Amino acid sequence: MAELSTDQRNHLDEDKFAFPKQRKEPLENASHVRNAVARFNQVKDVTDKERDEAWHRIQRAARKFDVQLDEKSWHELKAKK
């Protein structure tokens, strides 16, 4: 994965994160998108509405970076535990 330095991460706009309020899971490239999906259930203290919004951002980033998502909803990720 292309690592972001702390400085790079701090300079990202909020809309570049799956969870912007928490600044969790940046979506800067295909590797980040795959990582955001893998870590989705590890993000704590977020509402289902925030998860819905994060999933939509991940889907948009996946299309942008040509990442195939097998899941149609973040709820499917919970079933894979």
N, C-alpha and C. Protein backbone atom coordinates (compact mmCIF):
# COMPACT_ATOMS: atom_id res chain seq x y z
N MET A 1 0.85 -1.18 0.00
CA MET A 1 0.00 0.00 0.00
C MET A 1 0.89 1.23 0.00
N ALA A 2 0.46 2.24 -0.68
CA ALA A 2 1.17 3.51 -0.68
C ALA A 2 0.91 4.20 0.65
N GLU A 3 1.93 4.26 1.48
CA GLU A 3 1.80 4.86 2.80
C GLU A 3 1.71 6.37 2.69
N LEU A 4 0.90 6.95 3.52
CA LEU A 4 0.82 8.40 3.62
C LEU A 4 1.60 8.82 4.86
N SER A 5 2.43 9.82 4.71
CA SER A 5 3.10 10.35 5.89
C SER A 5 2.07 11.08 6.74
N THR A 6 2.43 11.34 7.98
CA THR A 6 1.53 12.08 8.87
C THR A 6 1.21 13.43 8.27
N ASP A 7 2.20 14.08 7.71
CA ASP A 7 1.99 15.39 7.10
C ASP A 7 1.02 15.30 5.91
N GLN A 8 1.22 14.30 5.06
CA GLN A 8 0.32 14.12 3.91
C GLN A 8 -1.11 13.84 4.39
N ARG A 9 -1.22 12.98 5.38
CA ARG A 9 -2.55 12.63 5.90
C ARG A 9 -3.23 13.85 6.51
N ASN A 10 -2.47 14.66 7.23
CA ASN A 10 -3.02 15.86 7.86
C ASN A 10 -3.48 16.90 6.85
N HIS A 11 -2.93 16.86 5.66
CA HIS A 11 -3.29 17.84 4.64
C HIS A 11 -4.40 17.37 3.70
N LEU A 12 -4.87 16.15 3.88
CA LEU A 12 -5.97 15.67 3.06
C LEU A 12 -7.27 16.35 3.47
N ASP A 13 -8.07 16.69 2.48
CA ASP A 13 -9.41 17.21 2.76
C ASP A 13 -10.24 16.10 3.40
N GLU A 14 -11.21 16.50 4.20
CA GLU A 14 -12.06 15.51 4.88
C GLU A 14 -12.76 14.58 3.90
N ASP A 15 -13.11 15.09 2.71
CA ASP A 15 -13.84 14.25 1.76
C ASP A 15 -12.96 13.16 1.14
N LYS A 16 -11.70 13.11 1.49
CA LYS A 16 -10.78 12.07 1.00
C LYS A 16 -10.72 10.87 1.94
N PHE A 17 -11.56 10.87 2.98
CA PHE A 17 -11.61 9.78 3.94
C PHE A 17 -12.96 9.09 3.87
N ALA A 18 -12.97 7.79 4.13
CA ALA A 18 -14.24 7.07 4.22
C ALA A 18 -15.04 7.61 5.41
N PHE A 19 -14.35 7.85 6.51
CA PHE A 19 -14.96 8.40 7.72
C PHE A 19 -14.35 9.77 7.99
N PRO A 20 -14.87 10.81 7.36
CA PRO A 20 -14.23 12.13 7.42
C PRO A 20 -14.17 12.75 8.81
N LYS A 21 -15.22 12.60 9.61
CA LYS A 21 -15.24 13.21 10.93
C LYS A 21 -14.11 12.65 11.80
N GLN A 22 -13.87 11.35 11.66
CA GLN A 22 -12.83 10.69 12.43
C GLN A 22 -11.48 10.69 11.70
N ARG A 23 -11.51 11.13 10.43
CA ARG A 23 -10.32 11.11 9.56
C ARG A 23 -9.73 9.71 9.50
N LYS A 24 -10.62 8.74 9.30
CA LYS A 24 -10.23 7.33 9.22
C LYS A 24 -10.40 6.82 7.80
N GLU A 25 -9.51 5.98 7.39
CA GLU A 25 -9.53 5.29 6.11
C GLU A 25 -9.47 6.24 4.91
N PRO A 26 -8.27 6.74 4.61
CA PRO A 26 -8.11 7.58 3.43
C PRO A 26 -8.42 6.79 2.16
N LEU A 27 -8.86 7.49 1.14
CA LEU A 27 -9.26 6.87 -0.13
C LEU A 27 -8.50 7.51 -1.28
N GLU A 28 -7.19 7.48 -1.22
CA GLU A 28 -6.35 8.17 -2.19
C GLU A 28 -5.94 7.33 -3.39
N ASN A 29 -6.09 6.01 -3.30
CA ASN A 29 -5.71 5.15 -4.41
C ASN A 29 -6.38 3.78 -4.23
N ALA A 30 -6.15 2.88 -5.18
CA ALA A 30 -6.81 1.57 -5.13
C ALA A 30 -6.44 0.79 -3.87
N SER A 31 -5.19 0.86 -3.47
CA SER A 31 -4.75 0.16 -2.28
C SER A 31 -5.46 0.67 -1.03
N HIS A 32 -5.64 1.98 -0.95
CA HIS A 32 -6.36 2.56 0.18
C HIS A 32 -7.82 2.10 0.20
N VAL A 33 -8.42 2.00 -0.97
CA VAL A 33 -9.82 1.56 -1.05
C VAL A 33 -9.94 0.13 -0.52
N ARG A 34 -9.06 -0.75 -0.98
CA ARG A 34 -9.09 -2.13 -0.51
C ARG A 34 -8.86 -2.20 1.00
N ASN A 35 -7.95 -1.38 1.50
CA ASN A 35 -7.66 -1.34 2.93
C ASN A 35 -8.88 -0.82 3.71
N ALA A 36 -9.55 0.18 3.18
CA ALA A 36 -10.73 0.73 3.86
C ALA A 36 -11.82 -0.34 3.99
N VAL A 37 -11.98 -1.16 2.98
CA VAL A 37 -12.96 -2.25 3.06
C VAL A 37 -12.52 -3.27 4.10
N ALA A 38 -11.26 -3.63 4.09
CA ALA A 38 -10.75 -4.63 5.03
C ALA A 38 -10.86 -4.16 6.48
N ARG A 39 -10.70 -2.87 6.71
CA ARG A 39 -10.72 -2.33 8.07
C ARG A 39 -12.05 -1.70 8.47
N PHE A 40 -13.01 -1.78 7.60
CA PHE A 40 -14.28 -1.08 7.80
C PHE A 40 -14.88 -1.35 9.17
N ASN A 41 -14.94 -2.61 9.57
CA ASN A 41 -15.57 -2.97 10.84
C ASN A 41 -14.71 -2.65 12.05
N GLN A 42 -13.48 -2.23 11.84
CA GLN A 42 -12.60 -1.88 12.95
C GLN A 42 -12.79 -0.43 13.40
N VAL A 43 -13.48 0.36 12.62
CA VAL A 43 -13.72 1.76 12.99
C VAL A 43 -14.77 1.79 14.08
N LYS A 44 -14.41 2.39 15.19
CA LYS A 44 -15.28 2.40 16.38
C LYS A 44 -15.97 3.74 16.54
N ASP A 45 -17.04 3.72 17.32
CA ASP A 45 -17.76 4.93 17.71
C ASP A 45 -18.31 5.71 16.52
N VAL A 46 -18.88 4.99 15.56
CA VAL A 46 -19.57 5.64 14.44
C VAL A 46 -20.97 5.06 14.35
N THR A 47 -21.88 5.87 13.87
CA THR A 47 -23.27 5.45 13.75
C THR A 47 -23.47 4.65 12.46
N ASP A 48 -24.60 3.98 12.37
CA ASP A 48 -24.93 3.28 11.13
C ASP A 48 -25.05 4.27 9.98
N LYS A 49 -25.57 5.46 10.25
CA LYS A 49 -25.66 6.48 9.19
C LYS A 49 -24.26 6.84 8.70
N GLU A 50 -23.32 7.01 9.61
CA GLU A 50 -21.94 7.31 9.20
C GLU A 50 -21.34 6.15 8.41
N ARG A 51 -21.68 4.93 8.79
CA ARG A 51 -21.20 3.76 8.03
C ARG A 51 -21.82 3.75 6.63
N ASP A 52 -23.11 4.07 6.52
CA ASP A 52 -23.76 4.16 5.20
C ASP A 52 -23.04 5.19 4.32
N GLU A 53 -22.77 6.36 4.88
CA GLU A 53 -22.10 7.42 4.13
C GLU A 53 -20.68 7.01 3.76
N ALA A 54 -19.98 6.36 4.68
CA ALA A 54 -18.62 5.89 4.41
C ALA A 54 -18.63 4.86 3.29
N TRP A 55 -19.61 3.96 3.32
CA TRP A 55 -19.69 2.94 2.28
C TRP A 55 -19.91 3.57 0.91
N HIS A 56 -20.73 4.60 0.84
CA HIS A 56 -20.95 5.30 -0.44
C HIS A 56 -19.65 5.95 -0.93
N ARG A 57 -18.89 6.52 -0.02
CA ARG A 57 -17.61 7.12 -0.41
C ARG A 57 -16.64 6.04 -0.90
N ILE A 58 -16.64 4.90 -0.24
CA ILE A 58 -15.78 3.79 -0.67
C ILE A 58 -16.19 3.31 -2.05
N GLN A 59 -17.50 3.18 -2.28
CA GLN A 59 -17.98 2.75 -3.60
C GLN A 59 -17.55 3.72 -4.70
N ARG A 60 -17.67 5.02 -4.42
CA ARG A 60 -17.24 6.02 -5.42
C ARG A 60 -15.75 5.90 -5.69
N ALA A 61 -14.96 5.77 -4.64
CA ALA A 61 -13.51 5.64 -4.80
C ALA A 61 -13.17 4.34 -5.53
N ALA A 62 -13.91 3.28 -5.25
CA ALA A 62 -13.67 2.00 -5.94
C ALA A 62 -13.90 2.14 -7.44
N ARG A 63 -14.96 2.83 -7.82
CA ARG A 63 -15.20 3.07 -9.25
C ARG A 63 -14.08 3.91 -9.85
N LYS A 64 -13.67 4.93 -9.13
CA LYS A 64 -12.62 5.84 -9.62
C LYS A 64 -11.31 5.11 -9.85
N PHE A 65 -10.96 4.20 -8.93
CA PHE A 65 -9.67 3.52 -9.00
C PHE A 65 -9.79 2.10 -9.53
N ASP A 66 -10.96 1.77 -10.11
CA ASP A 66 -11.20 0.48 -10.75
C ASP A 66 -10.96 -0.69 -9.80
N VAL A 67 -11.55 -0.60 -8.62
CA VAL A 67 -11.47 -1.67 -7.62
C VAL A 67 -12.80 -2.40 -7.61
N GLN A 68 -12.74 -3.70 -7.77
CA GLN A 68 -13.95 -4.53 -7.75
C GLN A 68 -14.37 -4.78 -6.32
N LEU A 69 -15.59 -4.40 -5.97
CA LEU A 69 -16.15 -4.70 -4.65
C LEU A 69 -17.13 -5.85 -4.80
N ASP A 70 -16.95 -6.87 -4.00
CA ASP A 70 -17.86 -8.01 -4.03
C ASP A 70 -19.13 -7.72 -3.25
N GLU A 71 -19.03 -6.83 -2.27
CA GLU A 71 -20.15 -6.50 -1.41
C GLU A 71 -20.95 -5.34 -2.00
N LYS A 72 -22.25 -5.42 -1.87
CA LYS A 72 -23.13 -4.33 -2.31
C LYS A 72 -23.41 -3.37 -1.16
N SER A 73 -23.22 -3.84 0.07
CA SER A 73 -23.52 -3.06 1.26
C SER A 73 -22.48 -3.37 2.33
N TRP A 74 -22.27 -2.43 3.22
CA TRP A 74 -21.33 -2.68 4.32
C TRP A 74 -21.86 -3.73 5.27
N HIS A 75 -23.17 -3.97 5.24
CA HIS A 75 -23.76 -5.01 6.09
C HIS A 75 -23.23 -6.39 5.72
N GLU A 76 -22.86 -6.57 4.47
CA GLU A 76 -22.30 -7.84 4.03
C GLU A 76 -20.93 -8.08 4.66
N LEU A 77 -20.22 -7.03 5.02
CA LEU A 77 -18.92 -7.17 5.66
C LEU A 77 -19.07 -7.78 7.04
N LYS A 78 -20.15 -7.42 7.74
CA LYS A 78 -20.40 -7.97 9.08
C LYS A 78 -20.61 -9.48 9.00
N ALA A 79 -21.22 -9.94 7.93
CA ALA A 79 -21.50 -11.37 7.78
C ALA A 79 -20.24 -12.17 7.51
N LYS A 80 -19.18 -11.52 7.05
CA LYS A 80 -17.94 -12.22 6.71
C LYS A 80 -17.01 -12.43 7.90
N LYS A 81 -17.37 -11.88 9.04
CA LYS A 81 -16.49 -12.00 10.22
C LYS A 81 -16.13 -13.41 10.55
